Protein backbone atom coordinates (compact mmCIF):
# COMPACT_ATOMS: atom_id res chain seq x y z
CA UNK A 1 110.96 110.19 61.85
CA UNK A 2 112.60 108.42 64.82
CA UNK A 3 109.93 105.74 64.69
CA UNK A 4 110.63 105.07 60.99
CA UNK A 5 114.43 104.79 60.74
CA UNK A 6 116.46 102.14 62.55
CA UNK A 7 120.00 102.71 61.23
CA UNK A 8 122.02 104.94 58.90
CA UNK A 9 125.42 103.75 57.67
CA UNK A 10 127.72 105.77 55.43
CA UNK A 11 131.19 104.92 54.19
CA UNK A 12 133.45 106.90 51.89
CA UNK A 13 136.89 105.82 50.69
CA UNK A 14 139.14 108.21 48.84
CA UNK A 15 142.34 107.17 47.10
CA UNK A 16 144.92 106.57 48.46
CA UNK A 17 144.25 106.30 52.22
CA UNK A 18 141.34 108.43 53.36
CA UNK A 19 138.33 106.62 54.80
CA UNK A 20 135.23 107.86 56.62
CA UNK A 21 132.71 105.63 58.35
CA UNK A 22 129.53 106.99 59.94
CA UNK A 23 126.85 104.96 61.73
CA UNK A 24 123.75 106.16 63.55
CA UNK A 25 121.62 103.56 65.30
CA UNK A 26 118.22 104.49 66.69
CA UNK A 27 116.55 102.30 69.27
CA UNK A 28 114.38 102.47 72.37
CA UNK A 29 117.40 102.19 74.67
CA UNK A 30 119.00 105.35 73.26
CA UNK A 31 120.59 106.61 70.09
CA UNK A 32 124.15 105.59 69.28
CA UNK A 33 126.39 107.52 66.91
CA UNK A 34 129.66 106.03 65.75
CA UNK A 35 132.16 107.80 63.53
CA UNK A 36 135.57 106.87 62.19
CA UNK A 37 137.74 109.22 60.18
CA UNK A 38 141.00 107.49 59.30
CA UNK A 39 142.51 106.70 62.72
CA UNK A 40 140.09 108.69 64.89
CA UNK A 41 137.09 106.81 66.31
CA UNK A 42 134.28 108.48 68.22
CA UNK A 43 131.28 106.74 69.77
CA UNK A 44 128.49 108.56 71.54
CA UNK A 45 125.50 106.88 73.15
CA UNK A 46 122.13 108.36 74.09
CA UNK A 47 122.25 111.19 71.60
CA UNK A 48 119.35 113.62 72.12
CA UNK A 49 116.24 112.70 70.09
CA UNK A 50 115.83 116.28 68.85
CA UNK A 51 119.32 116.26 67.31
CA UNK A 52 118.68 112.88 65.67
CA UNK A 53 115.27 113.97 64.37
CA UNK A 54 116.80 117.09 62.81
CA UNK A 55 119.55 115.02 61.20
CA UNK A 56 117.10 112.48 59.75
CA UNK A 57 114.91 115.23 58.34
CA UNK A 58 117.89 116.79 56.55
CA UNK A 59 119.10 113.38 55.37
CA UNK A 60 115.76 112.37 53.84
CA UNK A 61 115.47 115.74 52.07
CA UNK A 62 119.05 115.43 50.79
CA UNK A 63 118.63 111.99 49.22
CA UNK A 64 115.23 112.76 47.69
CA UNK A 65 115.55 111.96 43.99
CA UNK A 66 118.88 110.13 44.21
CA UNK A 67 119.51 107.15 41.95
CA UNK A 68 120.69 103.93 43.58
CA UNK A 69 124.03 103.87 41.76
CA UNK A 70 126.49 106.45 40.41
CA UNK A 71 129.55 105.33 38.46
CA UNK A 72 132.23 106.92 36.31
CA UNK A 73 134.27 104.14 34.68
CA UNK A 74 136.75 106.65 33.18
CA UNK A 75 138.50 107.22 36.52
CA UNK A 76 140.59 104.39 37.95
CA UNK A 77 141.52 105.70 41.41
CA UNK A 78 139.15 108.03 43.17
CA UNK A 79 136.27 107.94 45.59
CA UNK A 80 133.90 105.11 46.45
CA UNK A 81 130.95 105.64 48.74
CA UNK A 82 127.95 103.77 50.15
CA UNK A 83 124.90 104.96 52.06
CA UNK A 84 122.43 102.52 53.59
CA UNK A 85 119.30 103.44 55.50
CA UNK A 86 117.48 100.65 57.36
CA UNK A 87 113.87 101.28 58.29
CA UNK A 88 111.96 99.76 61.19
CA UNK A 89 109.63 97.92 58.81
CA UNK A 90 112.63 95.95 57.44
CA UNK A 91 113.04 97.87 54.18
CA UNK A 92 116.35 99.39 53.13
CA UNK A 93 117.48 102.19 50.86
CA UNK A 94 120.91 101.65 49.33
CA UNK A 95 122.92 104.25 47.43
CA UNK A 96 126.46 103.89 46.13
CA UNK A 97 128.96 105.52 43.88
CA UNK A 98 132.35 105.12 42.31
CA UNK A 99 133.87 108.40 41.14
CA UNK A 100 130.42 109.85 40.52
CA UNK A 101 127.95 111.58 42.82
CA UNK A 102 124.46 113.10 42.97
CA UNK A 103 124.45 116.89 42.48
CA UNK A 104 124.00 117.66 46.18
CA UNK A 105 126.31 114.93 47.51
CA UNK A 106 128.52 117.35 49.46
CA UNK A 107 125.51 118.12 51.65
CA UNK A 108 125.60 114.54 52.98
CA UNK A 109 129.09 115.13 54.40
CA UNK A 110 127.95 118.50 55.74
CA UNK A 111 125.01 117.13 57.73
CA UNK A 112 127.13 114.23 59.03
CA UNK A 113 129.69 116.74 60.32
CA UNK A 114 126.90 118.88 61.80
CA UNK A 115 125.65 116.05 63.99
CA UNK A 116 129.22 115.20 65.02
CA UNK A 117 129.83 118.80 66.09
CA UNK A 118 126.87 118.55 68.50
CA UNK A 119 128.55 115.83 70.59
């Protein structure tokens, strides 16, 4: 999986002030994980390949079957989120939502927090 994925970026904004940003970059010089939760910023370089491989496996299984866009126009203030996966061959998968989510969306936050806890 490491040879397929180049970058994972995830952003979630909740009304009024909560914001999460998660970025995992995979390259031959080492894996870099960046995370920002409101005011706290963490950056870790050279993350172990086994940890990254496990994360990517869980991520790909989680998003299997997701639509590209989820929207609920009946809610004005709420949660907006974006997930982008860049592959080494130049292709991208983009998922987004505004006050609507795939059924297993909470698992995305769970696996992001799992990889952060391994730092």
